[in-house]
Structures are given as structure tokens and as C-alpha cells.
């Protein structure tokens, strides 16, 4: 009878430990997926640009080729130009550029 009780308690402890480990693994996978999904993903029709600021002017360059795209004195001017010129392309600013010039 005492052996049965020891086996039962041992089984409960092992089961609880396994369940907690498995739940942690599932929770971690869900969090990783949520973080990954919240990041904008680059697609075929995306244009990734880097932004530089010199004085009061912003300069946009293609991130892959360093080809100059546009310059403007403010964000609205640049956004309007990009919407007219590239209506079906989503323009993404590199994280480094967004931090450096506060151009989100």
C-alpha cells in the first residue's frame, strides 16, 4: 500500500513536471510567432529604403543598391511623392534610418 502511494506521488510529480515543461515550450512558440508576425515582412513589391538627413532635407536611397530615390524637406512631401510614383509598392524604412532621423 505504501509502495502504491509512493508510485502514485512519483507519477504525479513526473507528470506535473512534464506538463509544465510542455506548456512552457508551447507558450514560447506562441510568443515567438506573435513577435515574428508583428514585424513587417518584405515582399516582392516592397521597396526598402534608408533615409539620411542633412540639414533640413531628407534623402531616400534604395537599401540594396544605394540608388538615390527622392529628397524632400519633410515626411509628408516624401510620402506624397512615393504614393504618386509607386502606388502599388509598399515602402519600408530600415530600422536604423528610422531611429537616426525619426522618420517613422
PDB file of N, CA and C in Angstrom:
ATOM      1  N   UNK A   1       0.809  -1.184   0.000  1.00  0.00           N
ATOM      2  CA  UNK A   1       0.000   0.000   0.000  1.00  0.00           C
ATOM      3  C   UNK A   1       0.866   1.267   0.000  1.00  0.00           C
ATOM      4  N   UNK A   2       1.914   1.301   0.793  1.00  0.00           N
ATOM      5  CA  UNK A   2       2.807   2.454   0.831  1.00  0.00           C
ATOM      6  C   UNK A   2       3.562   2.555  -0.494  1.00  0.00           C
ATOM      7  N   UNK A   3       3.916   1.419  -1.075  1.00  0.00           N
ATOM      8  CA  UNK A   3       4.603   1.442  -2.368  1.00  0.00           C
ATOM      9  C   UNK A   3       3.672   2.020  -3.442  1.00  0.00           C
ATOM     10  N   UNK A   4       2.408   1.652  -3.407  1.00  0.00           N
ATOM     11  CA  UNK A   4       1.437   2.194  -4.361  1.00  0.00           C
ATOM     12  C   UNK A   4       1.326   3.710  -4.210  1.00  0.00           C
ATOM     13  N   UNK A   5       1.313   4.187  -2.974  1.00  0.00           N
ATOM     14  CA  UNK A   5       1.229   5.614  -2.710  1.00  0.00           C
ATOM     15  C   UNK A   5       2.482   6.336  -3.210  1.00  0.00           C
ATOM     16  N   UNK A   6       3.642   5.750  -3.003  1.00  0.00           N
ATOM     17  CA  UNK A   6       4.909   6.336  -3.482  1.00  0.00           C
ATOM     18  C   UNK A   6       4.911   6.387  -5.004  1.00  0.00           C
ATOM     19  N   UNK A   7       4.457   5.305  -5.650  1.00  0.00           N
ATOM     20  CA  UNK A   7       4.389   5.259  -7.118  1.00  0.00           C
ATOM     21  C   UNK A   7       3.417   6.326  -7.625  1.00  0.00           C
ATOM     22  N   UNK A   8       2.293   6.482  -6.972  1.00  0.00           N
ATOM     23  CA  UNK A   8       1.304   7.482  -7.367  1.00  0.00           C
ATOM     24  C   UNK A   8       1.870   8.900  -7.245  1.00  0.00           C
ATOM     25  N   UNK A   9       2.486   9.190  -6.126  1.00  0.00           N
ATOM     26  CA  UNK A   9       3.061  10.525  -5.907  1.00  0.00           C
ATOM     27  C   UNK A   9       4.181  10.796  -6.905  1.00  0.00           C
ATOM     28  N   UNK A  10       5.032   9.805  -7.147  1.00  0.00           N
ATOM     29  CA  UNK A  10       6.115   9.946  -8.119  1.00  0.00           C
ATOM     30  C   UNK A  10       5.543  10.213  -9.516  1.00  0.00           C
ATOM     31  N   UNK A  11       4.515   9.473  -9.880  1.00  0.00           N
ATOM     32  CA  UNK A  11       3.872   9.671 -11.184  1.00  0.00           C
ATOM     33  C   UNK A  11       3.275  11.056 -11.315  1.00  0.00           C
ATOM     34  N   UNK A  12       2.650  11.540 -10.238  1.00  0.00           N
ATOM     35  CA  UNK A  12       2.082  12.885 -10.260  1.00  0.00           C
ATOM     36  C   UNK A  12       3.163  13.956 -10.423  1.00  0.00           C
ATOM     37  N   UNK A  13       4.266  13.786  -9.718  1.00  0.00           N
ATOM     38  CA  UNK A  13       5.362  14.750  -9.804  1.00  0.00           C
ATOM     39  C   UNK A  13       5.959  14.757 -11.210  1.00  0.00           C
ATOM     40  N   UNK A  14       6.205  13.571 -11.758  1.00  0.00           N
ATOM     41  CA  UNK A  14       6.765  13.474 -13.110  1.00  0.00           C
ATOM     42  C   UNK A  14       5.781  14.050 -14.138  1.00  0.00           C
ATOM     43  N   UNK A  15       4.513  13.728 -13.985  1.00  0.00           N
ATOM     44  CA  UNK A  15       3.501  14.251 -14.905  1.00  0.00           C
ATOM     45  C   UNK A  15       3.393  15.764 -14.835  1.00  0.00           C
ATOM     46  N   UNK A  16       3.428  16.306 -13.635  1.00  0.00           N
ATOM     47  CA  UNK A  16       3.370  17.753 -13.471  1.00  0.00           C
ATOM     48  C   UNK A  16       4.589  18.422 -14.099  1.00  0.00           C
ATOM     49  N   UNK A  17       5.773  17.853 -13.860  1.00  0.00           N
ATOM     50  CA  UNK A  17       6.998  18.425 -14.421  1.00  0.00           C
ATOM     51  C   UNK A  17       6.967  18.392 -15.942  1.00  0.00           C
ATOM     52  N   UNK A  18       6.522  17.280 -16.524  1.00  0.00           N
ATOM     53  CA  UNK A  18       6.438  17.159 -17.980  1.00  0.00           C
ATOM     54  C   UNK A  18       5.411  18.149 -18.532  1.00  0.00           C
ATOM     55  N   UNK A  19       4.271  18.245 -17.878  1.00  0.00           N
ATOM     56  CA  UNK A  19       3.228  19.169 -18.327  1.00  0.00           C
ATOM     57  C   UNK A  19       3.687  20.614 -18.273  1.00  0.00           C
ATOM     58  N   UNK A  20       4.378  20.988 -17.224  1.00  0.00           N
ATOM     59  CA  UNK A  20       4.887  22.351 -17.095  1.00  0.00           C
ATOM     60  C   UNK A  20       5.920  22.649 -18.179  1.00  0.00           C
ATOM     61  N   UNK A  21       6.799  21.697 -18.444  1.00  0.00           N
ATOM     62  CA  UNK A  21       7.813  21.870 -19.493  1.00  0.00           C
ATOM     63  C   UNK A  21       7.144  22.012 -20.858  1.00  0.00           C
ATOM     64  N   UNK A  22       6.178  21.164 -21.144  1.00  0.00           N
ATOM     65  CA  UNK A  22       5.479  21.195 -22.424  1.00  0.00           C
ATOM     66  C   UNK A  22       4.690  22.498 -22.581  1.00  0.00           C
ATOM     67  N   UNK A  23       4.045  22.958 -21.528  1.00  0.00           N
ATOM     68  CA  UNK A  23       3.282  24.207 -21.572  1.00  0.00           C
ATOM     69  C   UNK A  23       4.218  25.392 -21.822  1.00  0.00           C
ATOM     70  N   UNK A  24       5.384  25.391 -21.193  1.00  0.00           N
ATOM     71  CA  UNK A  24       6.362  26.452 -21.401  1.00  0.00           C
ATOM     72  C   UNK A  24       6.832  26.461 -22.849  1.00  0.00           C
ATOM     73  N   UNK A  25       7.069  25.296 -23.414  1.00  0.00           N
ATOM     74  CA  UNK A  25       7.506  25.181 -24.804  1.00  0.00           C
ATOM     75  C   UNK A  25       6.433  25.727 -25.754  1.00  0.00           C
ATOM     76  N   UNK A  26       5.186  25.377 -25.523  1.00  0.00           N
ATOM     77  CA  UNK A  26       4.079  25.860 -26.355  1.00  0.00           C
ATOM     78  C   UNK A  26       3.947  27.376 -26.222  1.00  0.00           C
ATOM     79  N   UNK A  27       4.004  27.897 -25.007  1.00  0.00           N
ATOM     80  CA  UNK A  27       3.889  29.325 -24.760  1.00  0.00           C
ATOM     81  C   UNK A  27       5.013  30.092 -25.455  1.00  0.00           C
ATOM     82  N   UNK A  28       6.230  29.579 -25.394  1.00  0.00           N
ATOM     83  CA  UNK A  28       7.371  30.213 -26.058  1.00  0.00           C
ATOM     84  C   UNK A  28       7.171  30.242 -27.568  1.00  0.00           C
ATOM     85  N   UNK A  29       6.680  29.154 -28.143  1.00  0.00           N
ATOM     86  CA  UNK A  29       6.427  29.110 -29.585  1.00  0.00           C
ATOM     87  C   UNK A  29       5.355  30.120 -29.984  1.00  0.00           C
ATOM     88  N   UNK A  30       4.306  30.248 -29.182  1.00  0.00           N
ATOM     89  CA  UNK A  30       3.241  31.205 -29.474  1.00  0.00           C
ATOM     90  C   UNK A  30       3.782  32.634 -29.419  1.00  0.00           C
ATOM     91  N   UNK A  31       4.587  32.952 -28.401  1.00  0.00           N
ATOM     92  CA  UNK A  31       5.170  34.291 -28.294  1.00  0.00           C
ATOM     93  C   UNK A  31       6.101  34.588 -29.457  1.00  0.00           C
ATOM     94  N   UNK A  32       6.947  33.626 -29.838  1.00  0.00           N
ATOM     95  CA  UNK A  32       7.853  33.822 -30.970  1.00  0.00           C
ATOM     96  C   UNK A  32       7.081  34.070 -32.256  1.00  0.00           C
ATOM     97  N   UNK A  33       6.002  33.339 -32.452  1.00  0.00           N
ATOM     98  CA  UNK A  33       5.172  33.529 -33.647  1.00  0.00           C
ATOM     99  C   UNK A  33       4.517  34.904 -33.648  1.00  0.00           C
ATOM    100  N   UNK A  34       4.034  35.330 -32.497  1.00  0.00           N
ATOM    101  CA  UNK A  34       3.383  36.641 -32.406  1.00  0.00           C
ATOM    102  C   UNK A  34       4.375  37.758 -32.683  1.00  0.00           C
ATOM    103  N   UNK A  35       5.579  37.643 -32.168  1.00  0.00           N
ATOM    104  CA  UNK A  35       6.607  38.655 -32.405  1.00  0.00           C
ATOM    105  C   UNK A  35       6.988  38.671 -33.883  1.00  0.00           C
ATOM    106  N   UNK A  36       7.161  37.503 -34.458  1.00  0.00           N
ATOM    107  CA  UNK A  36       7.521  37.400 -35.873  1.00  0.00           C
ATOM    108  C   UNK A  36       6.424  37.964 -36.768  1.00  0.00           C
ATOM    109  N   UNK A  37       5.161  37.709 -36.428  1.00  0.00           N
ATOM    110  CA  UNK A  37       4.039  38.203 -37.226  1.00  0.00           C
ATOM    111  C   UNK A  37       3.874  39.712 -37.118  1.00  0.00           C
ATOM    112  N   UNK A  38       4.327  40.303 -36.012  1.00  0.00           N
ATOM    113  CA  UNK A  38       4.157  41.745 -35.843  1.00  0.00           C
ATOM    114  C   UNK A  38       5.198  42.536 -36.624  1.00  0.00           C
ATOM    115  N   UNK A  39       6.277  41.892 -37.042  1.00  0.00           N
ATOM    116  CA  UNK A  39       7.305  42.556 -37.835  1.00  0.00           C
ATOM    117  C   UNK A  39       6.857  42.643 -39.289  1.00  0.00           C
ATOM    118  N   UNK A  40       7.018  43.795 -39.927  1.00  0.00           N
ATOM    119  CA  UNK A  40       6.658  43.856 -41.337  1.00  0.00           C
ATOM    120  C   UNK A  40       7.565  42.954 -42.145  1.00  0.00           C
ATOM    121  N   UNK A  41       6.970  42.181 -43.015  1.00  0.00           N
ATOM    122  CA  UNK A  41       7.739  41.251 -43.832  1.00  0.00           C
ATOM    123  C   UNK A  41       7.951  41.860 -45.204  1.00  0.00           C
ATOM    124  N   UNK A  42       9.147  41.665 -45.698  1.00  0.00           N
ATOM    125  CA  UNK A  42       9.473  42.178 -47.014  1.00  0.00           C
ATOM    126  C   UNK A  42       8.868  41.254 -48.068  1.00  0.00           C
ATOM    127  N   UNK A  43       8.162  41.838 -49.011  1.00  0.00           N
ATOM    128  CA  UNK A  43       7.547  41.076 -50.090  1.00  0.00           C
ATOM    129  C   UNK A  43       8.132  41.534 -51.411  1.00  0.00           C
ATOM    130  N   UNK A  44       7.688  40.878 -52.510  1.00  0.00           N
ATOM    131  CA  UNK A  44       8.204  41.211 -53.826  1.00  0.00           C
ATOM    132  C   UNK A  44       8.024  42.678 -54.167  1.00  0.00           C
ATOM    133  N   UNK A  45       6.866  43.209 -53.895  1.00  0.00           N
ATOM    134  CA  UNK A  45       6.602  44.594 -54.268  1.00  0.00           C
ATOM    135  C   UNK A  45       6.856  45.568 -53.118  1.00  0.00           C
ATOM    136  N   UNK A  46       7.836  45.252 -52.293  1.00  0.00           N
ATOM    137  CA  UNK A  46       8.267  46.157 -51.232  1.00  0.00           C
ATOM    138  C   UNK A  46       9.564  46.837 -51.657  1.00  0.00           C
ATOM    139  N   UNK A  47       9.693  48.079 -51.286  1.00  0.00           N
ATOM    140  CA  UNK A  47      10.920  48.823 -51.528  1.00  0.00           C
ATOM    141  C   UNK A  47      11.466  49.224 -50.166  1.00  0.00           C
ATOM    142  N   UNK A  48      12.635  48.700 -49.828  1.00  0.00           N
ATOM    143  CA  UNK A  48      13.267  49.027 -48.547  1.00  0.00           C
ATOM    144  C   UNK A  48      14.229  50.183 -48.798  1.00  0.00           C
ATOM    145  N   UNK A  49      14.034  51.248 -48.036  1.00  0.00           N
ATOM    146  CA  UNK A  49      14.856  52.443 -48.235  1.00  0.00           C
ATOM    147  C   UNK A  49      15.584  52.802 -46.953  1.00  0.00           C
ATOM    148  N   UNK A  50      16.688  53.488 -47.138  1.00  0.00           N
ATOM    149  CA  UNK A  50      17.358  54.093 -45.989  1.00  0.00           C
ATOM    150  C   UNK A  50      17.245  55.592 -46.153  1.00  0.00           C
ATOM    151  N   UNK A  51      17.124  56.278 -45.050  1.00  0.00           N
ATOM    152  CA  UNK A  51      16.904  57.717 -45.046  1.00  0.00           C
ATOM    153  C   UNK A  51      18.100  58.385 -44.390  1.00  0.00           C
ATOM    154  N   UNK A  52      18.553  59.455 -45.029  1.00  0.00           N
ATOM    155  CA  UNK A  52      19.602  60.282 -44.447  1.00  0.00           C
ATOM    156  C   UNK A  52      19.053  61.693 -44.299  1.00  0.00           C
ATOM    157  N   UNK A  53      19.519  62.387 -43.293  1.00  0.00           N
ATOM    158  CA  UNK A  53      19.097  63.774 -43.093  1.00  0.00           C
ATOM    159  C   UNK A  53      20.337  64.654 -43.058  1.00  0.00           C
ATOM    160  N   UNK A  54      20.335  65.640 -43.941  1.00  0.00           N
ATOM    161  CA  UNK A  54      21.414  66.626 -43.984  1.00  0.00           C
ATOM    162  C   UNK A  54      20.759  67.997 -43.927  1.00  0.00           C
ATOM    163  N   UNK A  55      20.999  68.709 -42.855  1.00  0.00           N
ATOM    164  CA  UNK A  55      20.336  69.993 -42.675  1.00  0.00           C
ATOM    165  C   UNK A  55      18.847  69.775 -42.497  1.00  0.00           C
ATOM    166  N   UNK A  56      18.050  70.435 -43.328  1.00  0.00           N
ATOM    167  CA  UNK A  56      16.594  70.274 -43.254  1.00  0.00           C
ATOM    168  C   UNK A  56      16.056  69.342 -44.329  1.00  0.00           C
ATOM    169  N   UNK A  57      16.918  68.649 -45.034  1.00  0.00           N
ATOM    170  CA  UNK A  57      16.492  67.807 -46.150  1.00  0.00           C
ATOM    171  C   UNK A  57      16.660  66.323 -45.810  1.00  0.00           C
ATOM    172  N   UNK A  58      15.671  65.532 -46.255  1.00  0.00           N
ATOM    173  CA  UNK A  58      15.724  64.088 -46.148  1.00  0.00           C
ATOM    174  C   UNK A  58      16.085  63.523 -47.517  1.00  0.00           C
ATOM    175  N   UNK A  59      16.935  62.509 -47.546  1.00  0.00           N
ATOM    176  CA  UNK A  59      17.333  61.852 -48.787  1.00  0.00           C
ATOM    177  C   UNK A  59      17.042  60.365 -48.637  1.00  0.00           C
ATOM    178  N   UNK A  60      16.310  59.800 -49.605  1.00  0.00           N
ATOM    179  CA  UNK A  60      15.972  58.375 -49.575  1.00  0.00           C
ATOM    180  C   UNK A  60      16.780  57.638 -50.623  1.00  0.00           C
ATOM    181  N   UNK A  61      17.338  56.481 -50.218  1.00  0.00           N
ATOM    182  CA  UNK A  61      18.127  55.636 -51.104  1.00  0.00           C
ATOM    183  C   UNK A  61      17.604  54.203 -51.021  1.00  0.00           C
ATOM    184  N   UNK A  62      17.660  53.499 -52.146  1.00  0.00           N
ATOM    185  CA  UNK A  62      17.328  52.075 -52.145  1.00  0.00           C
ATOM    186  C   UNK A  62      18.325  51.371 -51.244  1.00  0.00           C
ATOM    187  N   UNK A  63      17.842  50.575 -50.321  1.00  0.00           N
ATOM    188  CA  UNK A  63      18.712  49.928 -49.338  1.00  0.00           C
ATOM    189  C   UNK A  63      19.651  48.913 -49.979  1.00  0.00           C
ATOM    190  N   UNK A  64      19.223  48.248 -51.048  1.00  0.00           N
ATOM    191  CA  UNK A  64      20.060  47.216 -51.675  1.00  0.00           C
ATOM    192  C   UNK A  64      21.093  47.797 -52.627  1.00  0.00           C
ATOM    193  N   UNK A  65      20.696  48.801 -53.408  1.00  0.00           N
ATOM    194  CA  UNK A  65      21.576  49.309 -54.457  1.00  0.00           C
ATOM    195  C   UNK A  65      22.195  50.663 -54.140  1.00  0.00           C
ATOM    196  N   UNK A  66      21.753  51.315 -53.080  1.00  0.00           N
ATOM    197  CA  UNK A  66      22.183  52.673 -52.708  1.00  0.00           C
ATOM    198  C   UNK A  66      21.838  53.693 -53.784  1.00  0.00           C
ATOM    199  N   UNK A  67      20.873  53.374 -54.644  1.00  0.00           N
ATOM    200  CA  UNK A  67      20.433  54.294 -55.694  1.00  0.00           C
ATOM    201  C   UNK A  67      19.537  55.371 -55.072  1.00  0.00           C
ATOM    202  N   UNK A  68      19.817  56.622 -55.435  1.00  0.00           N
ATOM    203  CA  UNK A  68      19.033  57.743 -54.930  1.00  0.00           C
ATOM    204  C   UNK A  68      17.612  57.654 -55.460  1.00  0.00           C
ATOM    205  N   UNK A  69      16.618  57.911 -54.582  1.00  0.00           N
ATOM    206  CA  UNK A  69      15.211  57.847 -54.981  1.00  0.00           C
ATOM    207  C   UNK A  69      14.581  59.231 -54.968  1.00  0.00           C
ATOM    208  N   UNK A  70      14.668  59.929 -53.841  1.00  0.00           N
ATOM    209  CA  UNK A  70      14.000  61.232 -53.698  1.00  0.00           C
ATOM    210  C   UNK A  70      14.620  62.012 -52.554  1.00  0.00           C
ATOM    211  N   UNK A  71      14.404  63.304 -52.609  1.00  0.00           N
ATOM    212  CA  UNK A  71      14.737  64.169 -51.485  1.00  0.00           C
ATOM    213  C   UNK A  71      13.524  65.015 -51.175  1.00  0.00           C
ATOM    214  N   UNK A  72      13.408  65.426 -49.928  1.00  0.00           N
ATOM    215  CA  UNK A  72      12.297  66.270 -49.535  1.00  0.00           C
ATOM    216  C   UNK A  72      12.590  66.955 -48.223  1.00  0.00           C
ATOM    217  N   UNK A  73      11.853  68.022 -47.976  1.00  0.00           N
ATOM    218  CA  UNK A  73      12.108  68.797 -46.762  1.00  0.00           C
ATOM    219  C   UNK A  73      11.317  68.285 -45.564  1.00  0.00           C
ATOM    220  N   UNK A  74      10.276  67.437 -45.823  1.00  0.00           N
ATOM    221  CA  UNK A  74       9.523  66.877 -44.702  1.00  0.00           C
ATOM    222  C   UNK A  74       8.932  65.524 -45.107  1.00  0.00           C
ATOM    223  N   UNK A  75       8.444  64.840 -44.121  1.00  0.00           N
ATOM    224  CA  UNK A  75       7.916  63.491 -44.333  1.00  0.00           C
ATOM    225  C   UNK A  75       6.714  63.494 -45.272  1.00  0.00           C
ATOM    226  N   UNK A  76       5.820  64.451 -45.114  1.00  0.00           N
ATOM    227  CA  UNK A  76       4.598  64.491 -45.927  1.00  0.00           C
ATOM    228  C   UNK A  76       4.919  64.650 -47.405  1.00  0.00           C
ATOM    229  N   UNK A  77       5.879  65.504 -47.715  1.00  0.00           N
ATOM    230  CA  UNK A  77       6.292  65.718 -49.109  1.00  0.00           C
ATOM    231  C   UNK A  77       6.808  64.418 -49.720  1.00  0.00           C
ATOM    232  N   UNK A  78       7.610  63.707 -48.967  1.00  0.00           N
ATOM    233  CA  UNK A  78       8.185  62.444 -49.463  1.00  0.00           C
ATOM    234  C   UNK A  78       7.101  61.385 -49.619  1.00  0.00           C
ATOM    235  N   UNK A  79       6.222  61.269 -48.639  1.00  0.00           N
ATOM    236  CA  UNK A  79       5.156  60.269 -48.696  1.00  0.00           C
ATOM    237  C   UNK A  79       4.243  60.541 -49.888  1.00  0.00           C
ATOM    238  N   UNK A  80       3.882  61.788 -50.129  1.00  0.00           N
ATOM    239  CA  UNK A  80       3.033  62.126 -51.280  1.00  0.00           C
ATOM    240  C   UNK A  80       3.695  61.740 -52.596  1.00  0.00           C
ATOM    241  N   UNK A  81       4.982  62.041 -52.722  1.00  0.00           N
ATOM    242  CA  UNK A  81       5.706  61.676 -53.943  1.00  0.00           C
ATOM    243  C   UNK A  81       5.734  60.164 -54.129  1.00  0.00           C
ATOM    244  N   UNK A  82       6.032  59.437 -53.052  1.00  0.00           N
ATOM    245  CA  UNK A  82       6.124  57.971 -53.146  1.00  0.00           C
ATOM    246  C   UNK A  82       4.775  57.360 -53.501  1.00  0.00           C
ATOM    247  N   UNK A  83       3.692  57.892 -52.949  1.00  0.00           N
ATOM    248  CA  UNK A  83       2.356  57.363 -53.264  1.00  0.00           C
ATOM    249  C   UNK A  83       1.993  57.598 -54.727  1.00  0.00           C
ATOM    250  N   UNK A  84       2.389  58.724 -55.272  1.00  0.00           N
ATOM    251  CA  UNK A  84       2.096  59.014 -56.679  1.00  0.00           C
ATOM    252  C   UNK A  84       2.996  58.213 -57.613  1.00  0.00           C
ATOM    253  N   UNK A  85       4.265  58.090 -57.265  1.00  0.00           N
ATOM    254  CA  UNK A  85       5.231  57.440 -58.136  1.00  0.00           C
ATOM    255  C   UNK A  85       5.167  55.917 -58.046  1.00  0.00           C
ATOM    256  N   UNK A  86       4.975  55.385 -56.856  1.00  0.00           N
ATOM    257  CA  UNK A  86       4.956  53.935 -56.635  1.00  0.00           C
ATOM    258  C   UNK A  86       3.642  53.539 -55.953  1.00  0.00           C
ATOM    259  N   UNK A  87       2.501  53.639 -56.631  1.00  0.00           N
ATOM    260  CA  UNK A  87       1.221  53.394 -55.962  1.00  0.00           C
ATOM    261  C   UNK A  87       1.017  51.956 -55.488  1.00  0.00           C
ATOM    262  N   UNK A  88       1.622  50.990 -56.163  1.00  0.00           N
ATOM    263  CA  UNK A  88       1.402  49.590 -55.779  1.00  0.00           C
ATOM    264  C   UNK A  88       2.569  49.006 -54.989  1.00  0.00           C
ATOM    265  N   UNK A  89       3.500  49.847 -54.591  1.00  0.00           N
ATOM    266  CA  UNK A  89       4.676  49.373 -53.859  1.00  0.00           C
ATOM    267  C   UNK A  89       4.634  49.912 -52.435  1.00  0.00           C
ATOM    268  N   UNK A  90       4.882  49.009 -51.492  1.00  0.00           N
ATOM    269  CA  UNK A  90       4.958  49.412 -50.083  1.00  0.00           C
ATOM    270  C   UNK A  90       6.399  49.798 -49.785  1.00  0.00           C
ATOM    271  N   UNK A  91       6.603  50.983 -49.246  1.00  0.00           N
ATOM    272  CA  UNK A  91       7.944  51.475 -48.939  1.00  0.00           C
ATOM    273  C   UNK A  91       8.212  51.258 -47.457  1.00  0.00           C
ATOM    274  N   UNK A  92       9.299  50.568 -47.160  1.00  0.00           N
ATOM    275  CA  UNK A  92       9.696  50.288 -45.781  1.00  0.00           C
ATOM    276  C   UNK A  92      11.010  51.007 -45.488  1.00  0.00           C
ATOM    277  N   UNK A  93      11.069  51.659 -44.353  1.00  0.00           N
ATOM    278  CA  UNK A  93      12.284  52.355 -43.935  1.00  0.00           C
ATOM    279  C   UNK A  93      13.070  51.424 -43.020  1.00  0.00           C
ATOM    280  N   UNK A  94      14.379  51.344 -43.228  1.00  0.00           N
ATOM    281  CA  UNK A  94      15.191  50.491 -42.357  1.00  0.00           C
ATOM    282  C   UNK A  94      15.085  50.993 -40.926  1.00  0.00           C
ATOM    283  N   UNK A  95      15.191  50.077 -39.987  1.00  0.00           N
ATOM    284  CA  UNK A  95      15.065  50.433 -38.569  1.00  0.00           C
ATOM    285  C   UNK A  95      16.148  51.428 -38.156  1.00  0.00           C
ATOM    286  N   UNK A  96      17.357  51.236 -38.683  1.00  0.00           N
ATOM    287  CA  UNK A  96      18.450  52.140 -38.325  1.00  0.00           C
ATOM    288  C   UNK A  96      18.151  53.563 -38.791  1.00  0.00           C
ATOM    289  N   UNK A  97      17.649  53.687 -40.025  1.00  0.00           N
ATOM    290  CA  UNK A  97      17.323  55.016 -40.550  1.00  0.00           C
ATOM    291  C   UNK A  97      16.198  55.652 -39.768  1.00  0.00           C
ATOM    292  N   UNK A  98      15.179  54.868 -39.443  1.00  0.00           N
ATOM    293  CA  UNK A  98      14.022  55.411 -38.719  1.00  0.00           C
ATOM    294  C   UNK A  98      14.459  55.971 -37.373  1.00  0.00           C
ATOM    295  N   UNK A  99      15.392  55.298 -36.716  1.00  0.00           N
ATOM    296  CA  UNK A  99      15.862  55.775 -35.417  1.00  0.00           C
ATOM    297  C   UNK A  99      16.724  57.030 -35.565  1.00  0.00           C
ATOM    298  N   UNK A 100      17.587  57.041 -36.564  1.00  0.00           N
ATOM    299  CA  UNK A 100      18.519  58.142 -36.725  1.00  0.00           C
ATOM    300  C   UNK A 100      17.840  59.454 -37.092  1.00  0.00           C
ATOM    301  N   UNK A 101      16.837  59.382 -37.954  1.00  0.00           N
ATOM    302  CA  UNK A 101      16.217  60.631 -38.428  1.00  0.00           C
ATOM    303  C   UNK A 101      14.805  60.809 -37.922  1.00  0.00           C
ATOM    304  N   UNK A 102      14.334  59.920 -37.043  1.00  0.00           N
ATOM    305  CA  UNK A 102      12.973  59.989 -36.501  1.00  0.00           C
ATOM    306  C   UNK A 102      11.955  60.053 -37.642  1.00  0.00           C
ATOM    307  N   UNK A 103      12.126  59.150 -38.604  1.00  0.00           N
ATOM    308  CA  UNK A 103      11.289  59.113 -39.808  1.00  0.00           C
ATOM    309  C   UNK A 103      10.551  57.806 -39.807  1.00  0.00           C
ATOM    310  N   UNK A 104       9.375  57.764 -39.154  1.00  0.00           N
ATOM    311  CA  UNK A 104       8.624  56.519 -38.983  1.00  0.00           C
ATOM    312  C   UNK A 104       7.480  56.459 -39.950  1.00  0.00           C
TER     313      UNK A 104
END
